[in-house]
Amino acid sequence: MDYLLYGLTVFALITLLYRMSLWIARKRKPSDVLLTVTVVGFLIFVGVEFLQETALIGSSEIHFLTADWSYTIAIVALLIGLGLAIRESKPVINQSPQVLSYLPVLLLVVHPLVQDTLVIRELLLDLYTIAAFLIAFGLLSLEYFRRNTYGVLLSGVLVLFAGFIIRRYEIIPILHHEIGQLIVISGILIQSKHYNNQLLKSQKEHYDTQNRG
């Protein structure tokens, strides 16, 4: 079962990475690049976890650090990418200074200080992850209600969040890991299938709104 779950997760992430790379090739925005870095970070994290779980590599300090830092960098890149996406969605006159979007980089400074304290490290990573979900939910909800776009991506975020909560906090008595991971995979596949179409639809709606104005 673990082999299948890890394989499906890697497949879903690679599919999403491919879709995102196609979009970046057309329109290179800093937010899109950082969101792509997020997917790469999660791929590395899942890959190391898989190799350790299947005993293809031993459990060592370097493997722990690789998994830990790849997850942390992925979350930081996600927070920065979402911050830039919020900034880019506003008219130029209303945009905040770009440097504010990069404040999550400070988390990379804090992380080594708590890395050896398991409880605090896990708590902070959970807080970072939940914060990223809430920001993504807020951003996509705003765009959905403003221009009726990103509806599918919004549902994908909700599916991902549900899977994360089930997997992380064991709220289902049995098979919480497997059920949560399958839900996470479903969320990733939703994002990968509709990523480009949703962005194109949003871009079209944005241009139409500007032309009407």
N, C-alpha and C. Protein backbone atom coordinates (compact mmCIF):
# COMPACT_ATOMS: atom_id res chain seq x y z
N MET A 1 0.83 -1.20 0.00
CA MET A 1 0.00 0.00 0.00
C MET A 1 0.87 1.26 0.00
N ASP A 2 1.93 1.24 0.83
CA ASP A 2 2.82 2.40 0.89
C ASP A 2 3.47 2.68 -0.45
N TYR A 3 3.90 1.61 -1.14
CA TYR A 3 4.51 1.79 -2.46
C TYR A 3 3.54 2.49 -3.40
N LEU A 4 2.28 2.03 -3.39
CA LEU A 4 1.28 2.60 -4.28
C LEU A 4 1.01 4.07 -3.95
N LEU A 5 0.87 4.38 -2.65
CA LEU A 5 0.59 5.75 -2.24
C LEU A 5 1.73 6.69 -2.60
N TYR A 6 2.96 6.25 -2.33
CA TYR A 6 4.10 7.09 -2.68
C TYR A 6 4.21 7.27 -4.20
N GLY A 7 3.97 6.17 -4.93
CA GLY A 7 4.03 6.25 -6.39
C GLY A 7 2.99 7.20 -6.95
N LEU A 8 1.77 7.12 -6.43
CA LEU A 8 0.70 8.02 -6.88
C LEU A 8 1.01 9.47 -6.52
N THR A 9 1.58 9.68 -5.33
CA THR A 9 1.93 11.04 -4.91
C THR A 9 2.98 11.65 -5.82
N VAL A 10 4.02 10.87 -6.11
CA VAL A 10 5.08 11.35 -7.00
C VAL A 10 4.52 11.63 -8.40
N PHE A 11 3.68 10.73 -8.89
CA PHE A 11 3.05 10.92 -10.21
C PHE A 11 2.23 12.22 -10.24
N ALA A 12 1.42 12.42 -9.18
CA ALA A 12 0.58 13.62 -9.12
C ALA A 12 1.42 14.89 -9.08
N LEU A 13 2.49 14.88 -8.29
CA LEU A 13 3.36 16.06 -8.18
C LEU A 13 4.09 16.34 -9.49
N ILE A 14 4.56 15.28 -10.15
CA ILE A 14 5.26 15.47 -11.43
C ILE A 14 4.29 16.01 -12.48
N THR A 15 3.06 15.51 -12.47
CA THR A 15 2.05 16.02 -13.40
C THR A 15 1.78 17.50 -13.17
N LEU A 16 1.63 17.87 -11.88
CA LEU A 16 1.42 19.28 -11.55
C LEU A 16 2.62 20.12 -11.95
N LEU A 17 3.83 19.62 -11.70
CA LEU A 17 5.04 20.35 -12.07
C LEU A 17 5.10 20.57 -13.58
N TYR A 18 4.71 19.57 -14.34
CA TYR A 18 4.70 19.69 -15.80
C TYR A 18 3.72 20.78 -16.24
N ARG A 19 2.52 20.76 -15.66
CA ARG A 19 1.52 21.78 -16.01
C ARG A 19 2.01 23.18 -15.66
N MET A 20 2.62 23.31 -14.51
CA MET A 20 3.11 24.62 -14.08
C MET A 20 4.25 25.10 -14.97
N SER A 21 5.12 24.17 -15.38
CA SER A 21 6.24 24.56 -16.25
C SER A 21 5.74 25.06 -17.60
N LEU A 22 4.64 24.47 -18.09
CA LEU A 22 4.04 24.94 -19.34
C LEU A 22 3.54 26.38 -19.20
N TRP A 23 2.94 26.67 -18.05
CA TRP A 23 2.45 28.02 -17.81
C TRP A 23 3.60 29.02 -17.69
N ILE A 24 4.65 28.63 -16.97
CA ILE A 24 5.80 29.53 -16.79
C ILE A 24 6.46 29.83 -18.14
N ALA A 25 6.48 28.82 -19.03
CA ALA A 25 7.06 29.04 -20.35
C ALA A 25 6.31 30.11 -21.12
N ARG A 26 5.00 30.27 -20.81
CA ARG A 26 4.20 31.28 -21.50
C ARG A 26 4.24 32.63 -20.79
N LYS A 27 4.23 32.60 -19.48
CA LYS A 27 4.11 33.86 -18.72
C LYS A 27 4.93 33.73 -17.44
N ARG A 28 6.12 34.26 -17.43
CA ARG A 28 7.01 34.11 -16.29
C ARG A 28 6.74 35.19 -15.25
N LYS A 29 6.03 34.81 -14.20
CA LYS A 29 5.81 35.72 -13.08
C LYS A 29 6.51 35.14 -11.86
N PRO A 30 7.05 36.00 -10.99
CA PRO A 30 7.75 35.50 -9.80
C PRO A 30 6.90 34.54 -8.96
N SER A 31 5.61 34.84 -8.85
CA SER A 31 4.74 33.97 -8.04
C SER A 31 4.66 32.57 -8.62
N ASP A 32 4.56 32.46 -9.95
CA ASP A 32 4.48 31.15 -10.59
C ASP A 32 5.77 30.37 -10.41
N VAL A 33 6.90 31.07 -10.51
CA VAL A 33 8.19 30.40 -10.32
C VAL A 33 8.31 29.85 -8.90
N LEU A 34 7.91 30.64 -7.92
CA LEU A 34 8.02 30.20 -6.53
C LEU A 34 7.05 29.06 -6.22
N LEU A 35 5.88 29.09 -6.82
CA LEU A 35 4.95 27.98 -6.63
C LEU A 35 5.50 26.70 -7.26
N THR A 36 6.26 26.85 -8.34
CA THR A 36 6.92 25.69 -8.95
C THR A 36 8.02 25.16 -8.04
N VAL A 37 8.76 26.06 -7.41
CA VAL A 37 9.78 25.65 -6.42
C VAL A 37 9.12 24.86 -5.29
N THR A 38 7.91 25.27 -4.92
CA THR A 38 7.17 24.55 -3.88
C THR A 38 6.95 23.09 -4.27
N VAL A 39 6.51 22.87 -5.50
CA VAL A 39 6.24 21.50 -5.96
C VAL A 39 7.54 20.69 -5.99
N VAL A 40 8.63 21.30 -6.45
CA VAL A 40 9.93 20.61 -6.47
C VAL A 40 10.34 20.22 -5.04
N GLY A 41 10.16 21.14 -4.10
CA GLY A 41 10.49 20.85 -2.71
C GLY A 41 9.70 19.69 -2.16
N PHE A 42 8.40 19.66 -2.45
CA PHE A 42 7.57 18.54 -1.99
C PHE A 42 7.95 17.24 -2.66
N LEU A 43 8.37 17.32 -3.93
CA LEU A 43 8.83 16.12 -4.63
C LEU A 43 10.06 15.52 -3.95
N ILE A 44 11.01 16.38 -3.61
CA ILE A 44 12.22 15.91 -2.92
C ILE A 44 11.85 15.30 -1.57
N PHE A 45 10.97 15.97 -0.83
CA PHE A 45 10.53 15.48 0.47
C PHE A 45 9.88 14.10 0.36
N VAL A 46 8.94 13.97 -0.57
CA VAL A 46 8.25 12.69 -0.75
C VAL A 46 9.23 11.61 -1.22
N GLY A 47 10.16 11.98 -2.10
CA GLY A 47 11.14 11.02 -2.58
C GLY A 47 12.01 10.46 -1.47
N VAL A 48 12.51 11.34 -0.61
CA VAL A 48 13.35 10.89 0.51
C VAL A 48 12.54 10.03 1.48
N GLU A 49 11.30 10.47 1.77
CA GLU A 49 10.43 9.69 2.65
C GLU A 49 10.19 8.29 2.09
N PHE A 50 9.95 8.21 0.79
CA PHE A 50 9.70 6.93 0.14
C PHE A 50 10.93 6.02 0.25
N LEU A 51 12.10 6.57 -0.05
CA LEU A 51 13.32 5.77 0.00
C LEU A 51 13.61 5.27 1.41
N GLN A 52 13.28 6.07 2.41
CA GLN A 52 13.48 5.64 3.79
C GLN A 52 12.46 4.59 4.21
N GLU A 53 11.20 4.81 3.86
CA GLU A 53 10.14 3.87 4.23
C GLU A 53 10.36 2.50 3.61
N THR A 54 10.88 2.47 2.40
CA THR A 54 11.08 1.21 1.70
C THR A 54 12.47 0.63 1.93
N ALA A 55 13.24 1.29 2.82
CA ALA A 55 14.57 0.81 3.21
C ALA A 55 15.55 0.77 2.04
N LEU A 56 15.27 1.54 1.00
CA LEU A 56 16.22 1.63 -0.10
C LEU A 56 17.42 2.48 0.29
N ILE A 57 17.21 3.39 1.24
CA ILE A 57 18.31 4.10 1.86
C ILE A 57 18.12 4.03 3.36
N GLY A 58 19.20 4.12 4.09
CA GLY A 58 19.09 4.07 5.54
C GLY A 58 18.60 5.39 6.11
N SER A 59 18.20 5.34 7.36
CA SER A 59 17.76 6.55 8.04
C SER A 59 18.98 7.20 8.69
N SER A 60 19.41 8.31 8.11
CA SER A 60 20.60 8.98 8.60
C SER A 60 20.31 10.46 8.79
N GLU A 61 21.25 11.17 9.39
CA GLU A 61 21.08 12.59 9.65
C GLU A 61 20.93 13.38 8.35
N ILE A 62 21.71 13.01 7.33
CA ILE A 62 21.67 13.75 6.07
C ILE A 62 20.31 13.57 5.38
N HIS A 63 19.74 12.38 5.49
CA HIS A 63 18.43 12.14 4.89
C HIS A 63 17.34 12.89 5.65
N PHE A 64 17.47 12.90 6.98
CA PHE A 64 16.51 13.66 7.78
C PHE A 64 16.57 15.14 7.44
N LEU A 65 17.78 15.68 7.34
CA LEU A 65 17.94 17.10 7.03
C LEU A 65 17.43 17.43 5.63
N THR A 66 17.66 16.52 4.67
CA THR A 66 17.18 16.74 3.31
C THR A 66 15.66 16.82 3.28
N ALA A 67 15.00 15.86 3.93
CA ALA A 67 13.53 15.85 3.96
C ALA A 67 13.00 17.08 4.71
N ASP A 68 13.62 17.38 5.85
CA ASP A 68 13.16 18.49 6.67
C ASP A 68 13.30 19.82 5.95
N TRP A 69 14.46 20.06 5.36
CA TRP A 69 14.69 21.33 4.70
C TRP A 69 13.92 21.47 3.38
N SER A 70 13.75 20.36 2.66
CA SER A 70 12.98 20.43 1.41
C SER A 70 11.53 20.79 1.71
N TYR A 71 10.98 20.23 2.79
CA TYR A 71 9.60 20.57 3.18
C TYR A 71 9.52 22.03 3.62
N THR A 72 10.49 22.46 4.43
CA THR A 72 10.48 23.83 4.94
C THR A 72 10.62 24.84 3.80
N ILE A 73 11.55 24.59 2.90
CA ILE A 73 11.76 25.49 1.76
C ILE A 73 10.52 25.52 0.88
N ALA A 74 9.88 24.36 0.70
CA ALA A 74 8.65 24.30 -0.10
C ALA A 74 7.56 25.18 0.52
N ILE A 75 7.39 25.11 1.83
CA ILE A 75 6.37 25.91 2.50
C ILE A 75 6.70 27.40 2.43
N VAL A 76 7.98 27.74 2.63
CA VAL A 76 8.39 29.15 2.55
C VAL A 76 8.17 29.68 1.13
N ALA A 77 8.56 28.89 0.13
CA ALA A 77 8.35 29.30 -1.26
C ALA A 77 6.86 29.47 -1.55
N LEU A 78 6.04 28.59 -0.97
CA LEU A 78 4.59 28.69 -1.16
C LEU A 78 4.04 29.98 -0.54
N LEU A 79 4.50 30.30 0.66
CA LEU A 79 4.04 31.53 1.33
C LEU A 79 4.46 32.77 0.55
N ILE A 80 5.71 32.77 0.06
CA ILE A 80 6.18 33.91 -0.73
C ILE A 80 5.40 34.00 -2.05
N GLY A 81 5.22 32.85 -2.70
CA GLY A 81 4.49 32.82 -3.97
C GLY A 81 3.07 33.32 -3.82
N LEU A 82 2.41 32.93 -2.73
CA LEU A 82 1.05 33.40 -2.48
C LEU A 82 1.03 34.90 -2.19
N GLY A 83 2.04 35.36 -1.44
CA GLY A 83 2.14 36.79 -1.17
C GLY A 83 2.32 37.60 -2.44
N LEU A 84 3.17 37.10 -3.33
CA LEU A 84 3.37 37.79 -4.62
C LEU A 84 2.12 37.72 -5.48
N ALA A 85 1.40 36.58 -5.42
CA ALA A 85 0.17 36.45 -6.20
C ALA A 85 -0.88 37.45 -5.74
N ILE A 86 -0.97 37.65 -4.42
CA ILE A 86 -1.90 38.65 -3.88
C ILE A 86 -1.50 40.04 -4.38
N ARG A 87 -0.20 40.32 -4.32
CA ARG A 87 0.30 41.63 -4.77
C ARG A 87 0.02 41.84 -6.25
N GLU A 88 0.25 40.79 -7.06
CA GLU A 88 0.07 40.90 -8.51
C GLU A 88 -1.41 41.05 -8.91
N SER A 89 -2.31 40.58 -8.03
CA SER A 89 -3.73 40.65 -8.35
C SER A 89 -4.31 42.05 -8.14
N LYS A 90 -3.53 42.94 -7.52
CA LYS A 90 -4.03 44.29 -7.24
C LYS A 90 -3.54 45.28 -8.30
N PRO A 91 -4.26 46.37 -8.51
CA PRO A 91 -3.75 47.42 -9.40
C PRO A 91 -2.40 47.94 -8.88
N VAL A 92 -1.56 48.38 -9.80
CA VAL A 92 -0.20 48.80 -9.43
C VAL A 92 -0.22 49.85 -8.32
N ILE A 93 -1.17 50.77 -8.38
CA ILE A 93 -1.21 51.86 -7.41
C ILE A 93 -1.52 51.36 -5.99
N ASN A 94 -2.16 50.18 -5.90
CA ASN A 94 -2.54 49.64 -4.59
C ASN A 94 -1.60 48.54 -4.10
N GLN A 95 -0.55 48.25 -4.86
CA GLN A 95 0.34 47.17 -4.49
C GLN A 95 1.26 47.58 -3.34
N SER A 96 1.43 46.66 -2.40
CA SER A 96 2.34 46.90 -1.29
C SER A 96 3.78 46.71 -1.78
N PRO A 97 4.79 47.20 -1.03
CA PRO A 97 6.18 47.00 -1.43
C PRO A 97 6.49 45.51 -1.60
N GLN A 98 7.18 45.18 -2.67
CA GLN A 98 7.44 43.78 -2.99
C GLN A 98 8.21 43.07 -1.88
N VAL A 99 9.05 43.81 -1.16
CA VAL A 99 9.87 43.19 -0.11
C VAL A 99 9.01 42.53 0.96
N LEU A 100 7.80 43.04 1.19
CA LEU A 100 6.93 42.45 2.21
C LEU A 100 6.53 41.02 1.86
N SER A 101 6.44 40.73 0.57
CA SER A 101 6.07 39.38 0.15
C SER A 101 7.16 38.36 0.47
N TYR A 102 8.38 38.86 0.65
CA TYR A 102 9.51 37.96 0.91
C TYR A 102 9.81 37.78 2.40
N LEU A 103 8.96 38.33 3.26
CA LEU A 103 9.18 38.19 4.70
C LEU A 103 9.22 36.74 5.18
N PRO A 104 8.47 35.80 4.56
CA PRO A 104 8.58 34.41 5.00
C PRO A 104 9.98 33.82 4.93
N VAL A 105 10.90 34.48 4.20
CA VAL A 105 12.29 34.01 4.18
C VAL A 105 12.86 33.96 5.59
N LEU A 106 12.36 34.83 6.47
CA LEU A 106 12.84 34.85 7.85
C LEU A 106 12.59 33.51 8.55
N LEU A 107 11.63 32.75 8.07
CA LEU A 107 11.36 31.43 8.66
C LEU A 107 12.56 30.50 8.46
N LEU A 108 13.31 30.72 7.38
CA LEU A 108 14.51 29.91 7.15
C LEU A 108 15.61 30.24 8.15
N VAL A 109 15.55 31.45 8.71
CA VAL A 109 16.51 31.83 9.76
C VAL A 109 16.11 31.22 11.09
N VAL A 110 14.81 31.18 11.34
CA VAL A 110 14.31 30.64 12.61
C VAL A 110 14.43 29.12 12.66
N HIS A 111 14.24 28.48 11.54
CA HIS A 111 14.14 27.01 11.51
C HIS A 111 15.34 26.29 12.13
N PRO A 112 16.59 26.68 11.81
CA PRO A 112 17.72 25.97 12.42
C PRO A 112 17.74 26.07 13.95
N LEU A 113 17.14 27.13 14.49
CA LEU A 113 17.14 27.32 15.94
C LEU A 113 16.23 26.32 16.66
N VAL A 114 15.23 25.80 15.93
CA VAL A 114 14.28 24.86 16.56
C VAL A 114 14.38 23.46 15.96
N GLN A 115 15.34 23.27 15.09
CA GLN A 115 15.41 22.01 14.35
C GLN A 115 15.62 20.80 15.26
N ASP A 116 16.34 21.00 16.35
CA ASP A 116 16.62 19.89 17.25
C ASP A 116 15.54 19.68 18.30
N THR A 117 14.55 20.56 18.32
CA THR A 117 13.44 20.43 19.28
C THR A 117 12.23 19.94 18.51
N LEU A 118 11.97 18.63 18.59
CA LEU A 118 10.97 18.00 17.73
C LEU A 118 9.59 18.62 17.87
N VAL A 119 9.13 18.83 19.10
CA VAL A 119 7.77 19.32 19.32
C VAL A 119 7.59 20.72 18.73
N ILE A 120 8.56 21.61 19.00
CA ILE A 120 8.45 22.99 18.49
C ILE A 120 8.58 23.00 16.97
N ARG A 121 9.50 22.19 16.45
CA ARG A 121 9.69 22.14 14.99
C ARG A 121 8.41 21.67 14.29
N GLU A 122 7.81 20.60 14.81
CA GLU A 122 6.58 20.07 14.20
C GLU A 122 5.45 21.09 14.31
N LEU A 123 5.37 21.77 15.45
CA LEU A 123 4.33 22.78 15.66
C LEU A 123 4.47 23.92 14.66
N LEU A 124 5.70 24.41 14.48
CA LEU A 124 5.93 25.52 13.55
C LEU A 124 5.63 25.11 12.11
N LEU A 125 6.06 23.91 11.73
CA LEU A 125 5.78 23.44 10.37
C LEU A 125 4.28 23.31 10.12
N ASP A 126 3.56 22.83 11.14
CA ASP A 126 2.10 22.74 11.01
C ASP A 126 1.49 24.13 10.86
N LEU A 127 1.99 25.08 11.65
CA LEU A 127 1.48 26.45 11.56
C LEU A 127 1.77 27.06 10.20
N TYR A 128 3.00 26.83 9.67
CA TYR A 128 3.33 27.34 8.34
C TYR A 128 2.38 26.75 7.30
N THR A 129 2.17 25.43 7.39
CA THR A 129 1.34 24.74 6.40
C THR A 129 -0.10 25.23 6.45
N ILE A 130 -0.66 25.32 7.65
CA ILE A 130 -2.04 25.78 7.80
C ILE A 130 -2.18 27.23 7.34
N ALA A 131 -1.17 28.06 7.65
CA ALA A 131 -1.19 29.45 7.19
C ALA A 131 -1.21 29.51 5.66
N ALA A 132 -0.41 28.66 5.01
CA ALA A 132 -0.39 28.64 3.54
C ALA A 132 -1.76 28.24 2.98
N PHE A 133 -2.39 27.24 3.60
CA PHE A 133 -3.73 26.83 3.15
C PHE A 133 -4.73 27.97 3.30
N LEU A 134 -4.68 28.67 4.45
CA LEU A 134 -5.63 29.74 4.70
C LEU A 134 -5.43 30.91 3.73
N ILE A 135 -4.16 31.23 3.45
CA ILE A 135 -3.88 32.32 2.49
C ILE A 135 -4.37 31.93 1.10
N ALA A 136 -4.06 30.69 0.69
CA ALA A 136 -4.50 30.22 -0.63
C ALA A 136 -6.01 30.22 -0.72
N PHE A 137 -6.66 29.77 0.34
CA PHE A 137 -8.13 29.74 0.36
C PHE A 137 -8.69 31.17 0.26
N GLY A 138 -8.10 32.10 1.02
CA GLY A 138 -8.57 33.48 0.98
C GLY A 138 -8.37 34.11 -0.38
N LEU A 139 -7.19 33.90 -0.98
CA LEU A 139 -6.88 34.49 -2.29
C LEU A 139 -7.81 33.94 -3.37
N LEU A 140 -7.96 32.62 -3.42
CA LEU A 140 -8.79 32.01 -4.45
C LEU A 140 -10.27 32.33 -4.24
N SER A 141 -10.69 32.41 -2.97
CA SER A 141 -12.09 32.76 -2.69
C SER A 141 -12.40 34.17 -3.17
N LEU A 142 -11.47 35.09 -2.91
CA LEU A 142 -11.65 36.48 -3.34
C LEU A 142 -11.79 36.56 -4.86
N GLU A 143 -10.89 35.85 -5.57
CA GLU A 143 -10.95 35.87 -7.03
C GLU A 143 -12.23 35.20 -7.54
N TYR A 144 -12.66 34.15 -6.84
CA TYR A 144 -13.87 33.45 -7.27
C TYR A 144 -15.10 34.34 -7.14
N PHE A 145 -15.23 35.00 -6.02
CA PHE A 145 -16.41 35.85 -5.81
C PHE A 145 -16.33 37.16 -6.59
N ARG A 146 -15.09 37.60 -6.90
CA ARG A 146 -14.94 38.85 -7.64
C ARG A 146 -15.18 38.64 -9.13
N ARG A 147 -14.58 37.58 -9.70
CA ARG A 147 -14.67 37.39 -11.15
C ARG A 147 -15.13 35.98 -11.55
N ASN A 148 -15.59 35.20 -10.58
CA ASN A 148 -16.06 33.84 -10.85
C ASN A 148 -14.99 32.99 -11.53
N THR A 149 -13.75 33.12 -11.06
CA THR A 149 -12.65 32.32 -11.58
C THR A 149 -12.01 31.54 -10.43
N TYR A 150 -11.17 30.57 -10.79
CA TYR A 150 -10.42 29.76 -9.83
C TYR A 150 -11.31 28.85 -8.98
N GLY A 151 -12.56 28.61 -9.42
CA GLY A 151 -13.44 27.76 -8.62
C GLY A 151 -12.90 26.36 -8.45
N VAL A 152 -12.36 25.78 -9.51
CA VAL A 152 -11.84 24.42 -9.44
C VAL A 152 -10.59 24.37 -8.57
N LEU A 153 -9.70 25.36 -8.74
CA LEU A 153 -8.49 25.39 -7.91
C LEU A 153 -8.85 25.58 -6.44
N LEU A 154 -9.88 26.35 -6.18
CA LEU A 154 -10.35 26.55 -4.80
C LEU A 154 -10.82 25.23 -4.21
N SER A 155 -11.59 24.46 -4.99
CA SER A 155 -12.03 23.15 -4.50
C SER A 155 -10.84 22.22 -4.29
N GLY A 156 -9.82 22.34 -5.15
CA GLY A 156 -8.62 21.53 -4.98
C GLY A 156 -7.89 21.83 -3.69
N VAL A 157 -7.82 23.12 -3.34
CA VAL A 157 -7.19 23.53 -2.08
C VAL A 157 -7.95 22.96 -0.89
N LEU A 158 -9.27 22.99 -0.95
CA LEU A 158 -10.09 22.44 0.14
C LEU A 158 -9.88 20.94 0.28
N VAL A 159 -9.77 20.24 -0.85
CA VAL A 159 -9.51 18.80 -0.81
C VAL A 159 -8.14 18.53 -0.21
N LEU A 160 -7.13 19.29 -0.63
CA LEU A 160 -5.78 19.14 -0.08
C LEU A 160 -5.76 19.38 1.43
N PHE A 161 -6.45 20.42 1.86
CA PHE A 161 -6.48 20.75 3.28
C PHE A 161 -7.16 19.64 4.09
N ALA A 162 -8.26 19.10 3.55
CA ALA A 162 -8.94 18.00 4.24
C ALA A 162 -8.02 16.78 4.37
N GLY A 163 -7.31 16.48 3.28
CA GLY A 163 -6.37 15.35 3.32
C GLY A 163 -5.25 15.57 4.32
N PHE A 164 -4.72 16.79 4.35
CA PHE A 164 -3.64 17.12 5.30
C PHE A 164 -4.11 16.95 6.74
N ILE A 165 -5.31 17.46 7.06
CA ILE A 165 -5.83 17.37 8.42
C ILE A 165 -6.07 15.91 8.83
N ILE A 166 -6.67 15.14 7.93
CA ILE A 166 -6.94 13.73 8.23
C ILE A 166 -5.64 12.96 8.44
N ARG A 167 -4.66 13.20 7.56
CA ARG A 167 -3.39 12.47 7.64
C ARG A 167 -2.56 12.90 8.84
N ARG A 168 -2.57 14.19 9.11
CA ARG A 168 -1.68 14.72 10.16
C ARG A 168 -2.23 14.51 11.56
N TYR A 169 -3.53 14.68 11.71
CA TYR A 169 -4.10 14.67 13.07
C TYR A 169 -4.94 13.43 13.38
N GLU A 170 -4.93 12.46 12.47
CA GLU A 170 -5.51 11.14 12.73
C GLU A 170 -6.95 11.24 13.22
N ILE A 171 -7.78 12.03 12.54
CA ILE A 171 -9.16 12.22 13.00
C ILE A 171 -10.08 11.09 12.54
N ILE A 172 -9.55 10.18 11.70
CA ILE A 172 -10.28 8.98 11.33
C ILE A 172 -9.66 7.81 12.11
N PRO A 173 -10.47 6.99 12.78
CA PRO A 173 -9.93 5.94 13.67
C PRO A 173 -8.99 4.96 12.98
N ILE A 174 -9.30 4.57 11.75
CA ILE A 174 -8.47 3.56 11.07
C ILE A 174 -8.05 4.09 9.70
N LEU A 175 -6.89 3.62 9.28
CA LEU A 175 -6.36 3.96 7.95
C LEU A 175 -6.32 5.46 7.69
N HIS A 176 -6.09 6.26 8.76
CA HIS A 176 -6.07 7.71 8.57
C HIS A 176 -4.95 8.15 7.62
N HIS A 177 -3.80 7.48 7.71
CA HIS A 177 -2.68 7.84 6.85
C HIS A 177 -3.03 7.58 5.39
N GLU A 178 -3.56 6.38 5.12
CA GLU A 178 -3.87 6.00 3.74
C GLU A 178 -5.00 6.86 3.16
N ILE A 179 -6.07 7.05 3.95
CA ILE A 179 -7.20 7.84 3.46
C ILE A 179 -6.78 9.30 3.25
N GLY A 180 -6.06 9.85 4.23
CA GLY A 180 -5.60 11.23 4.10
C GLY A 180 -4.70 11.42 2.89
N GLN A 181 -3.79 10.45 2.66
CA GLN A 181 -2.87 10.57 1.52
C GLN A 181 -3.62 10.47 0.20
N LEU A 182 -4.61 9.59 0.12
CA LEU A 182 -5.39 9.47 -1.11
C LEU A 182 -6.15 10.77 -1.40
N ILE A 183 -6.66 11.41 -0.35
CA ILE A 183 -7.35 12.69 -0.52
C ILE A 183 -6.37 13.77 -0.98
N VAL A 184 -5.17 13.78 -0.39
CA VAL A 184 -4.13 14.73 -0.82
C VAL A 184 -3.79 14.52 -2.29
N ILE A 185 -3.62 13.26 -2.70
CA ILE A 185 -3.32 12.95 -4.11
C ILE A 185 -4.44 13.45 -5.01
N SER A 186 -5.69 13.26 -4.60
CA SER A 186 -6.83 13.75 -5.37
C SER A 186 -6.77 15.26 -5.54
N GLY A 187 -6.43 15.96 -4.44
CA GLY A 187 -6.31 17.42 -4.50
C GLY A 187 -5.23 17.87 -5.46
N ILE A 188 -4.09 17.18 -5.44
CA ILE A 188 -2.99 17.53 -6.35
C ILE A 188 -3.41 17.30 -7.80
N LEU A 189 -4.10 16.18 -8.06
CA LEU A 189 -4.54 15.88 -9.43
C LEU A 189 -5.57 16.89 -9.92
N ILE A 190 -6.44 17.34 -9.03
CA ILE A 190 -7.40 18.39 -9.40
C ILE A 190 -6.65 19.64 -9.85
N GLN A 191 -5.63 20.02 -9.05
CA GLN A 191 -4.85 21.21 -9.39
C GLN A 191 -4.12 21.03 -10.71
N SER A 192 -3.50 19.87 -10.91
CA SER A 192 -2.71 19.66 -12.12
C SER A 192 -3.58 19.62 -13.37
N LYS A 193 -4.76 19.04 -13.27
CA LYS A 193 -5.64 18.93 -14.44
C LYS A 193 -6.17 20.29 -14.89
N HIS A 194 -6.46 21.16 -13.92
CA HIS A 194 -7.15 22.41 -14.25
C HIS A 194 -6.28 23.65 -14.07
N TYR A 195 -5.00 23.49 -13.71
CA TYR A 195 -4.15 24.64 -13.39
C TYR A 195 -4.09 25.65 -14.53
N ASN A 196 -3.68 25.19 -15.71
CA ASN A 196 -3.51 26.13 -16.83
C ASN A 196 -4.84 26.73 -17.28
N ASN A 197 -5.88 25.89 -17.38
CA ASN A 197 -7.18 26.39 -17.83
C ASN A 197 -7.74 27.46 -16.90
N GLN A 198 -7.57 27.24 -15.59
CA GLN A 198 -8.08 28.20 -14.63
C GLN A 198 -7.33 29.52 -14.71
N LEU A 199 -6.01 29.45 -14.89
CA LEU A 199 -5.23 30.68 -15.01
C LEU A 199 -5.57 31.44 -16.29
N LEU A 200 -5.76 30.70 -17.39
CA LEU A 200 -6.15 31.34 -18.64
C LEU A 200 -7.52 32.00 -18.53
N LYS A 201 -8.46 31.31 -17.86
CA LYS A 201 -9.79 31.87 -17.67
C LYS A 201 -9.73 33.14 -16.83
N SER A 202 -8.90 33.11 -15.76
CA SER A 202 -8.76 34.29 -14.91
C SER A 202 -8.15 35.44 -15.68
N GLN A 203 -7.13 35.12 -16.50
CA GLN A 203 -6.47 36.16 -17.30
C GLN A 203 -7.46 36.80 -18.27
N LYS A 204 -8.29 35.97 -18.92
CA LYS A 204 -9.29 36.48 -19.86
C LYS A 204 -10.31 37.37 -19.15
N GLU A 205 -10.77 36.91 -17.96
CA GLU A 205 -11.74 37.69 -17.20
C GLU A 205 -11.13 39.03 -16.79
N HIS A 206 -9.84 39.00 -16.42
CA HIS A 206 -9.15 40.23 -16.01
C HIS A 206 -9.09 41.23 -17.16
N TYR A 207 -8.73 40.73 -18.37
CA TYR A 207 -8.64 41.61 -19.54
C TYR A 207 -10.02 42.14 -19.92
N ASP A 208 -11.04 41.27 -19.86
CA ASP A 208 -12.40 41.71 -20.19
C ASP A 208 -12.87 42.81 -19.24
N THR A 209 -12.54 42.63 -17.95
CA THR A 209 -12.93 43.63 -16.94
C THR A 209 -12.25 44.97 -17.23
N GLN A 210 -10.96 44.90 -17.60
CA GLN A 210 -10.22 46.13 -17.91
C GLN A 210 -10.82 46.83 -19.14
N ASN A 211 -11.18 46.03 -20.16
CA ASN A 211 -11.73 46.60 -21.40
C ASN A 211 -13.09 47.24 -21.15
N ARG A 212 -13.88 46.60 -20.29
CA ARG A 212 -15.19 47.19 -19.96
C ARG A 212 -15.04 48.49 -19.19
N GLY A 213 -13.92 48.51 -18.36
CA GLY A 213 -13.68 49.73 -17.59
C GLY A 213 -13.21 50.86 -18.49
